[in-house]
Amino acid sequence: MTDTPPDRLSNDPRSKFYDEAVLERGIGIKFNGTERTNVEEYCISEGWVRVPVGKSLDRHGLPMTMKVKGTVEAWFRSEAPEQE
């Protein structure tokens, strides 16, 4: 594993951008200079994050999200596990 987070990551297991190993390490997101803890998905190169909209749910019972554009920074919250 590298020390750089992926360009795009989602915490929805149905997404093709979901990566459990990366999420276990913990990802920190800074959006427009403010650290955010409610980000569902992000893309650094395209400059957007997807965040939940209040307590609204879609027809599948999942939180409704909104894509917001801006400057995205990502980092790992913990070190990579030791490789044996």
PDB file of N, CA and C in Angstrom:
ATOM      1  N   MET A   1       0.828  -1.180   0.000  1.00  0.00           N
ATOM      2  CA  MET A   1       0.000   0.000   0.000  1.00  0.00           C
ATOM      3  C   MET A   1       0.876   1.248   0.000  1.00  0.00           C
ATOM      4  N   THR A   2       0.417   2.281  -0.660  1.00  0.00           N
ATOM      5  CA  THR A   2       1.184   3.516  -0.715  1.00  0.00           C
ATOM      6  C   THR A   2       0.780   4.439   0.425  1.00  0.00           C
ATOM      7  N   ASP A   3       1.527   5.524   0.585  1.00  0.00           N
ATOM      8  CA  ASP A   3       1.194   6.520   1.601  1.00  0.00           C
ATOM      9  C   ASP A   3       0.284   7.603   1.054  1.00  0.00           C
ATOM     10  N   THR A   4      -0.111   7.484  -0.209  1.00  0.00           N
ATOM     11  CA  THR A   4      -1.001   8.457  -0.826  1.00  0.00           C
ATOM     12  C   THR A   4      -2.393   7.841  -0.950  1.00  0.00           C
ATOM     13  N   PRO A   5      -3.420   8.530  -0.470  1.00  0.00           N
ATOM     14  CA  PRO A   5      -4.780   7.989  -0.625  1.00  0.00           C
ATOM     15  C   PRO A   5      -5.189   7.953  -2.092  1.00  0.00           C
ATOM     16  N   PRO A   6      -6.149   7.102  -2.443  1.00  0.00           N
ATOM     17  CA  PRO A   6      -6.588   7.040  -3.845  1.00  0.00           C
ATOM     18  C   PRO A   6      -7.245   8.352  -4.286  1.00  0.00           C
ATOM     19  N   ASP A   7      -7.234   8.585  -5.593  1.00  0.00           N
ATOM     20  CA  ASP A   7      -7.822   9.799  -6.153  1.00  0.00           C
ATOM     21  C   ASP A   7      -9.326   9.848  -5.910  1.00  0.00           C
ATOM     22  N   ARG A   8      -9.969   8.697  -5.942  1.00  0.00           N
ATOM     23  CA  ARG A   8     -11.415   8.642  -5.726  1.00  0.00           C
ATOM     24  C   ARG A   8     -11.731   7.466  -4.819  1.00  0.00           C
ATOM     25  N   LEU A   9     -12.606   7.690  -3.842  1.00  0.00           N
ATOM     26  CA  LEU A   9     -12.941   6.646  -2.879  1.00  0.00           C
ATOM     27  C   LEU A   9     -14.371   6.837  -2.413  1.00  0.00           C
ATOM     28  N   SER A  10     -15.071   5.723  -2.215  1.00  0.00           N
ATOM     29  CA  SER A  10     -16.451   5.746  -1.735  1.00  0.00           C
ATOM     30  C   SER A  10     -16.567   4.816  -0.545  1.00  0.00           C
ATOM     31  N   ASN A  11     -17.455   5.124   0.392  1.00  0.00           N
ATOM     32  CA  ASN A  11     -17.675   4.214   1.518  1.00  0.00           C
ATOM     33  C   ASN A  11     -18.921   3.359   1.312  1.00  0.00           C
ATOM     34  N   ASP A  12     -19.474   3.354   0.094  1.00  0.00           N
ATOM     35  CA  ASP A  12     -20.623   2.522  -0.256  1.00  0.00           C
ATOM     36  C   ASP A  12     -20.112   1.221  -0.875  1.00  0.00           C
ATOM     37  N   PRO A  13     -20.370   0.059  -0.249  1.00  0.00           N
ATOM     38  CA  PRO A  13     -19.861  -1.214  -0.776  1.00  0.00           C
ATOM     39  C   PRO A  13     -20.353  -1.547  -2.183  1.00  0.00           C
ATOM     40  N   ARG A  14     -21.428  -0.939  -2.655  1.00  0.00           N
ATOM     41  CA  ARG A  14     -21.926  -1.211  -3.997  1.00  0.00           C
ATOM     42  C   ARG A  14     -21.167  -0.445  -5.071  1.00  0.00           C
ATOM     43  N   SER A  15     -20.345   0.524  -4.686  1.00  0.00           N
ATOM     44  CA  SER A  15     -19.617   1.352  -5.643  1.00  0.00           C
ATOM     45  C   SER A  15     -18.354   0.647  -6.123  1.00  0.00           C
ATOM     46  N   LYS A  16     -17.964   0.908  -7.366  1.00  0.00           N
ATOM     47  CA  LYS A  16     -16.712   0.333  -7.872  1.00  0.00           C
ATOM     48  C   LYS A  16     -15.493   1.044  -7.276  1.00  0.00           C
ATOM     49  N   PHE A  17     -15.702   2.182  -6.586  1.00  0.00           N
ATOM     50  CA  PHE A  17     -14.610   2.920  -5.960  1.00  0.00           C
ATOM     51  C   PHE A  17     -14.478   2.594  -4.474  1.00  0.00           C
ATOM     52  N   TYR A  18     -15.166   1.575  -4.008  1.00  0.00           N
ATOM     53  CA  TYR A  18     -15.103   1.128  -2.616  1.00  0.00           C
ATOM     54  C   TYR A  18     -13.851   0.278  -2.430  1.00  0.00           C
ATOM     55  N   ASP A  19     -13.077   0.538  -1.373  1.00  0.00           N
ATOM     56  CA  ASP A  19     -11.882  -0.246  -1.060  1.00  0.00           C
ATOM     57  C   ASP A  19     -11.808  -0.397   0.456  1.00  0.00           C
ATOM     58  N   GLU A  20     -12.163  -1.578   0.940  1.00  0.00           N
ATOM     59  CA  GLU A  20     -12.239  -1.818   2.380  1.00  0.00           C
ATOM     60  C   GLU A  20     -10.892  -1.662   3.071  1.00  0.00           C
ATOM     61  N   ALA A  21      -9.812  -2.119   2.429  1.00  0.00           N
ATOM     62  CA  ALA A  21      -8.481  -2.030   3.041  1.00  0.00           C
ATOM     63  C   ALA A  21      -8.081  -0.573   3.276  1.00  0.00           C
ATOM     64  N   VAL A  22      -8.390   0.291   2.338  1.00  0.00           N
ATOM     65  CA  VAL A  22      -8.061   1.715   2.472  1.00  0.00           C
ATOM     66  C   VAL A  22      -8.924   2.354   3.561  1.00  0.00           C
ATOM     67  N   LEU A  23     -10.211   2.014   3.582  1.00  0.00           N
ATOM     68  CA  LEU A  23     -11.116   2.588   4.578  1.00  0.00           C
ATOM     69  C   LEU A  23     -10.764   2.160   6.003  1.00  0.00           C
ATOM     70  N   GLU A  24     -10.207   0.955   6.165  1.00  0.00           N
ATOM     71  CA  GLU A  24      -9.800   0.490   7.497  1.00  0.00           C
ATOM     72  C   GLU A  24      -8.677   1.347   8.069  1.00  0.00           C
ATOM     73  N   ARG A  25      -7.824   1.872   7.210  1.00  0.00           N
ATOM     74  CA  ARG A  25      -6.740   2.757   7.671  1.00  0.00           C
ATOM     75  C   ARG A  25      -7.276   4.098   8.139  1.00  0.00           C
ATOM     76  N   GLY A  26      -8.408   4.490   7.609  1.00  0.00           N
ATOM     77  CA  GLY A  26      -9.002   5.784   7.960  1.00  0.00           C
ATOM     78  C   GLY A  26      -8.520   6.865   7.015  1.00  0.00           C
ATOM     79  N   ILE A  27      -9.454   7.623   6.487  1.00  0.00           N
ATOM     80  CA  ILE A  27      -9.152   8.706   5.554  1.00  0.00           C
ATOM     81  C   ILE A  27      -9.634  10.013   6.159  1.00  0.00           C
ATOM     82  N   GLY A  28      -8.764  11.005   6.152  1.00  0.00           N
ATOM     83  CA  GLY A  28      -9.147  12.346   6.562  1.00  0.00           C
ATOM     84  C   GLY A  28      -9.405  13.177   5.319  1.00  0.00           C
ATOM     85  N   ILE A  29     -10.450  13.993   5.340  1.00  0.00           N
ATOM     86  CA  ILE A  29     -10.811  14.821   4.189  1.00  0.00           C
ATOM     87  C   ILE A  29     -10.878  16.276   4.627  1.00  0.00           C
ATOM     88  N   LYS A  30     -10.208  17.130   3.876  1.00  0.00           N
ATOM     89  CA  LYS A  30     -10.304  18.567   4.073  1.00  0.00           C
ATOM     90  C   LYS A  30     -10.918  19.130   2.803  1.00  0.00           C
ATOM     91  N   PHE A  31     -12.085  19.784   2.938  1.00  0.00           N
ATOM     92  CA  PHE A  31     -12.805  20.332   1.799  1.00  0.00           C
ATOM     93  C   PHE A  31     -12.877  21.843   1.954  1.00  0.00           C
ATOM     94  N   ASN A  32     -12.313  22.560   0.984  1.00  0.00           N
ATOM     95  CA  ASN A  32     -12.232  24.030   1.012  1.00  0.00           C
ATOM     96  C   ASN A  32     -11.646  24.541   2.326  1.00  0.00           C
ATOM     97  N   GLY A  33     -10.609  23.851   2.819  1.00  0.00           N
ATOM     98  CA  GLY A  33      -9.905  24.298   4.009  1.00  0.00           C
ATOM     99  C   GLY A  33     -10.524  23.876   5.327  1.00  0.00           C
ATOM    100  N   THR A  34     -11.646  23.160   5.307  1.00  0.00           N
ATOM    101  CA  THR A  34     -12.314  22.720   6.524  1.00  0.00           C
ATOM    102  C   THR A  34     -12.338  21.201   6.570  1.00  0.00           C
ATOM    103  N   GLU A  35     -11.932  20.616   7.699  1.00  0.00           N
ATOM    104  CA  GLU A  35     -11.962  19.169   7.832  1.00  0.00           C
ATOM    105  C   GLU A  35     -13.408  18.699   7.936  1.00  0.00           C
ATOM    106  N   ARG A  36     -13.760  17.697   7.121  1.00  0.00           N
ATOM    107  CA  ARG A  36     -15.125  17.168   7.090  1.00  0.00           C
ATOM    108  C   ARG A  36     -15.122  15.719   7.546  1.00  0.00           C
ATOM    109  N   THR A  37     -16.126  15.335   8.302  1.00  0.00           N
ATOM    110  CA  THR A  37     -16.227  13.959   8.780  1.00  0.00           C
ATOM    111  C   THR A  37     -17.429  13.232   8.194  1.00  0.00           C
ATOM    112  N   ASN A  38     -18.249  13.910   7.399  1.00  0.00           N
ATOM    113  CA  ASN A  38     -19.462  13.289   6.869  1.00  0.00           C
ATOM    114  C   ASN A  38     -19.397  13.028   5.367  1.00  0.00           C
ATOM    115  N   VAL A  39     -18.221  12.873   4.803  1.00  0.00           N
ATOM    116  CA  VAL A  39     -18.061  12.679   3.362  1.00  0.00           C
ATOM    117  C   VAL A  39     -18.352  11.222   3.004  1.00  0.00           C
ATOM    118  N   GLU A  40     -19.270  11.010   2.060  1.00  0.00           N
ATOM    119  CA  GLU A  40     -19.626   9.668   1.593  1.00  0.00           C
ATOM    120  C   GLU A  40     -18.693   9.203   0.467  1.00  0.00           C
ATOM    121  N   GLU A  41     -18.268  10.135  -0.375  1.00  0.00           N
ATOM    122  CA  GLU A  41     -17.411   9.832  -1.516  1.00  0.00           C
ATOM    123  C   GLU A  41     -16.656  11.099  -1.883  1.00  0.00           C
ATOM    124  N   TYR A  42     -15.447  10.935  -2.443  1.00  0.00           N
ATOM    125  CA  TYR A  42     -14.689  12.113  -2.868  1.00  0.00           C
ATOM    126  C   TYR A  42     -13.907  11.806  -4.133  1.00  0.00           C
ATOM    127  N   CYS A  43     -13.526  12.860  -4.853  1.00  0.00           N
ATOM    128  CA  CYS A  43     -12.645  12.754  -6.008  1.00  0.00           C
ATOM    129  C   CYS A  43     -11.725  13.971  -5.985  1.00  0.00           C
ATOM    130  N   ILE A  44     -10.442  13.739  -5.810  1.00  0.00           N
ATOM    131  CA  ILE A  44      -9.474  14.829  -5.703  1.00  0.00           C
ATOM    132  C   ILE A  44      -9.267  15.505  -7.063  1.00  0.00           C
ATOM    133  N   SER A  45      -9.076  14.713  -8.130  1.00  0.00           N
ATOM    134  CA  SER A  45      -8.762  15.294  -9.439  1.00  0.00           C
ATOM    135  C   SER A  45      -9.920  16.111 -10.010  1.00  0.00           C
ATOM    136  N   GLU A  46     -11.160  15.687  -9.769  1.00  0.00           N
ATOM    137  CA  GLU A  46     -12.313  16.428 -10.270  1.00  0.00           C
ATOM    138  C   GLU A  46     -12.772  17.500  -9.294  1.00  0.00           C
ATOM    139  N   GLY A  47     -12.289  17.455  -8.052  1.00  0.00           N
ATOM    140  CA  GLY A  47     -12.577  18.490  -7.072  1.00  0.00           C
ATOM    141  C   GLY A  47     -14.000  18.487  -6.544  1.00  0.00           C
ATOM    142  N   TRP A  48     -14.476  17.331  -6.019  1.00  0.00           N
ATOM    143  CA  TRP A  48     -15.810  17.295  -5.435  1.00  0.00           C
ATOM    144  C   TRP A  48     -15.870  16.289  -4.300  1.00  0.00           C
ATOM    145  N   VAL A  49     -16.852  16.475  -3.438  1.00  0.00           N
ATOM    146  CA  VAL A  49     -17.184  15.511  -2.388  1.00  0.00           C
ATOM    147  C   VAL A  49     -18.689  15.283  -2.446  1.00  0.00           C
ATOM    148  N   ARG A  50     -19.113  14.139  -1.972  1.00  0.00           N
ATOM    149  CA  ARG A  50     -20.532  13.820  -1.887  1.00  0.00           C
ATOM    150  C   ARG A  50     -20.867  13.696  -0.406  1.00  0.00           C
ATOM    151  N   VAL A  51     -21.803  14.525   0.063  1.00  0.00           N
ATOM    152  CA  VAL A  51     -22.185  14.572   1.478  1.00  0.00           C
ATOM    153  C   VAL A  51     -23.685  14.320   1.622  1.00  0.00           C
ATOM    154  N   PRO A  52     -24.103  13.759   2.773  1.00  0.00           N
ATOM    155  CA  PRO A  52     -25.540  13.533   2.985  1.00  0.00           C
ATOM    156  C   PRO A  52     -26.301  14.843   3.130  1.00  0.00           C
ATOM    157  N   VAL A  53     -27.576  14.816   2.729  1.00  0.00           N
ATOM    158  CA  VAL A  53     -28.442  15.982   2.811  1.00  0.00           C
ATOM    159  C   VAL A  53     -29.410  15.760   3.968  1.00  0.00           C
ATOM    160  N   GLY A  54     -29.108  16.347   5.112  1.00  0.00           N
ATOM    161  CA  GLY A  54     -29.974  16.210   6.280  1.00  0.00           C
ATOM    162  C   GLY A  54     -30.219  14.762   6.648  1.00  0.00           C
ATOM    163  N   LYS A  55     -31.458  14.446   6.990  1.00  0.00           N
ATOM    164  CA  LYS A  55     -31.824  13.078   7.362  1.00  0.00           C
ATOM    165  C   LYS A  55     -32.676  12.418   6.288  1.00  0.00           C
ATOM    166  N   SER A  56     -32.672  12.988   5.085  1.00  0.00           N
ATOM    167  CA  SER A  56     -33.480  12.455   3.981  1.00  0.00           C
ATOM    168  C   SER A  56     -32.932  11.116   3.518  1.00  0.00           C
ATOM    169  N   LEU A  57     -33.845  10.203   3.188  1.00  0.00           N
ATOM    170  CA  LEU A  57     -33.474   8.884   2.683  1.00  0.00           C
ATOM    171  C   LEU A  57     -34.067   8.692   1.299  1.00  0.00           C
ATOM    172  N   ASP A  58     -33.360   7.917   0.462  1.00  0.00           N
ATOM    173  CA  ASP A  58     -33.909   7.608  -0.852  1.00  0.00           C
ATOM    174  C   ASP A  58     -34.839   6.398  -0.734  1.00  0.00           C
ATOM    175  N   ARG A  59     -35.336   5.903  -1.850  1.00  0.00           N
ATOM    176  CA  ARG A  59     -36.318   4.817  -1.808  1.00  0.00           C
ATOM    177  C   ARG A  59     -35.733   3.484  -1.355  1.00  0.00           C
ATOM    178  N   HIS A  60     -34.401   3.389  -1.295  1.00  0.00           N
ATOM    179  CA  HIS A  60     -33.736   2.182  -0.827  1.00  0.00           C
ATOM    180  C   HIS A  60     -33.341   2.291   0.646  1.00  0.00           C
ATOM    181  N   GLY A  61     -33.670   3.412   1.272  1.00  0.00           N
ATOM    182  CA  GLY A  61     -33.344   3.608   2.681  1.00  0.00           C
ATOM    183  C   GLY A  61     -31.947   4.139   2.923  1.00  0.00           C
ATOM    184  N   LEU A  62     -31.256   4.540   1.876  1.00  0.00           N
ATOM    185  CA  LEU A  62     -29.908   5.092   2.001  1.00  0.00           C
ATOM    186  C   LEU A  62     -29.987   6.613   2.071  1.00  0.00           C
ATOM    187  N   PRO A  63     -29.032   7.261   2.730  1.00  0.00           N
ATOM    188  CA  PRO A  63     -29.078   8.722   2.817  1.00  0.00           C
ATOM    189  C   PRO A  63     -28.966   9.373   1.441  1.00  0.00           C
ATOM    190  N   MET A  64     -29.758  10.413   1.230  1.00  0.00           N
ATOM    191  CA  MET A  64     -29.650  11.178  -0.015  1.00  0.00           C
ATOM    192  C   MET A  64     -28.396  12.028   0.084  1.00  0.00           C
ATOM    193  N   THR A  65     -27.673  12.137  -1.030  1.00  0.00           N
ATOM    194  CA  THR A  65     -26.415  12.866  -1.025  1.00  0.00           C
ATOM    195  C   THR A  65     -26.430  13.979  -2.056  1.00  0.00           C
ATOM    196  N   MET A  66     -25.497  14.918  -1.863  1.00  0.00           N
ATOM    197  CA  MET A  66     -25.350  16.054  -2.759  1.00  0.00           C
ATOM    198  C   MET A  66     -23.862  16.179  -3.107  1.00  0.00           C
ATOM    199  N   LYS A  67     -23.578  16.409  -4.385  1.00  0.00           N
ATOM    200  CA  LYS A  67     -22.197  16.598  -4.825  1.00  0.00           C
ATOM    201  C   LYS A  67     -21.865  18.084  -4.718  1.00  0.00           C
ATOM    202  N   VAL A  68     -20.768  18.394  -4.009  1.00  0.00           N
ATOM    203  CA  VAL A  68     -20.345  19.772  -3.806  1.00  0.00           C
ATOM    204  C   VAL A  68     -18.939  19.923  -4.388  1.00  0.00           C
ATOM    205  N   LYS A  69     -18.733  20.945  -5.213  1.00  0.00           N
ATOM    206  CA  LYS A  69     -17.431  21.159  -5.853  1.00  0.00           C
ATOM    207  C   LYS A  69     -16.570  22.120  -5.050  1.00  0.00           C
ATOM    208  N   GLY A  70     -15.265  21.863  -5.052  1.00  0.00           N
ATOM    209  CA  GLY A  70     -14.315  22.703  -4.344  1.00  0.00           C
ATOM    210  C   GLY A  70     -12.956  22.023  -4.293  1.00  0.00           C
ATOM    211  N   THR A  71     -12.098  22.501  -3.404  1.00  0.00           N
ATOM    212  CA  THR A  71     -10.754  21.949  -3.235  1.00  0.00           C
ATOM    213  C   THR A  71     -10.798  20.797  -2.242  1.00  0.00           C
ATOM    214  N   VAL A  72     -10.281  19.634  -2.655  1.00  0.00           N
ATOM    215  CA  VAL A  72     -10.323  18.433  -1.826  1.00  0.00           C
ATOM    216  C   VAL A  72      -8.904  17.991  -1.501  1.00  0.00           C
ATOM    217  N   GLU A  73      -8.634  17.755  -0.220  1.00  0.00           N
ATOM    218  CA  GLU A  73      -7.365  17.191   0.231  1.00  0.00           C
ATOM    219  C   GLU A  73      -7.686  15.938   1.028  1.00  0.00           C
ATOM    220  N   ALA A  74      -6.901  14.881   0.836  1.00  0.00           N
ATOM    221  CA  ALA A  74      -7.127  13.629   1.560  1.00  0.00           C
ATOM    222  C   ALA A  74      -5.816  13.128   2.148  1.00  0.00           C
ATOM    223  N   TRP A  75      -5.888  12.469   3.295  1.00  0.00           N
ATOM    224  CA  TRP A  75      -4.722  11.881   3.931  1.00  0.00           C
ATOM    225  C   TRP A  75      -5.157  10.672   4.735  1.00  0.00           C
ATOM    226  N   PHE A  76      -4.180   9.799   5.016  1.00  0.00           N
ATOM    227  CA  PHE A  76      -4.455   8.637   5.859  1.00  0.00           C
ATOM    228  C   PHE A  76      -4.347   9.042   7.317  1.00  0.00           C
ATOM    229  N   ARG A  77      -5.279   8.567   8.133  1.00  0.00           N
ATOM    230  CA  ARG A  77      -5.269   8.868   9.567  1.00  0.00           C
ATOM    231  C   ARG A  77      -4.316   7.960  10.338  1.00  0.00           C
ATOM    232  N   SER A  78      -4.002   6.776   9.794  1.00  0.00           N
ATOM    233  CA  SER A  78      -3.088   5.860  10.470  1.00  0.00           C
ATOM    234  C   SER A  78      -2.044   5.341   9.490  1.00  0.00           C
ATOM    235  N   GLU A  79      -1.003   4.774  10.036  1.00  0.00           N
ATOM    236  CA  GLU A  79       0.100   4.250   9.231  1.00  0.00           C
ATOM    237  C   GLU A  79      -0.319   2.941   8.543  1.00  0.00           C
ATOM    238  N   ALA A  80       0.390   2.604   7.472  1.00  0.00           N
ATOM    239  CA  ALA A  80       0.142   1.359   6.753  1.00  0.00           C
ATOM    240  C   ALA A  80       0.506   0.170   7.621  1.00  0.00           C
ATOM    241  N   PRO A  81      -0.246  -0.929   7.546  1.00  0.00           N
ATOM    242  CA  PRO A  81       0.119  -2.121   8.318  1.00  0.00           C
ATOM    243  C   PRO A  81       1.428  -2.708   7.820  1.00  0.00           C
ATOM    244  N   GLU A  82       2.128  -3.356   8.705  1.00  0.00           N
ATOM    245  CA  GLU A  82       3.428  -3.976   8.362  1.00  0.00           C
ATOM    246  C   GLU A  82       3.232  -5.112   7.382  1.00  0.00           C
ATOM    247  N   GLN A  83       4.061  -5.178   6.344  1.00  0.00           N
ATOM    248  CA  GLN A  83       4.045  -6.268   5.375  1.00  0.00           C
ATOM    249  C   GLN A  83       5.026  -7.334   5.828  1.00  0.00           C
ATOM    250  N   GLU A  84       4.595  -8.582   5.805  1.00  0.00           N
ATOM    251  CA  GLU A  84       5.499  -9.679   6.213  1.00  0.00           C
ATOM    252  C   GLU A  84       5.974 -10.462   5.052  1.00  0.00           C
TER     253      GLU A  84
END
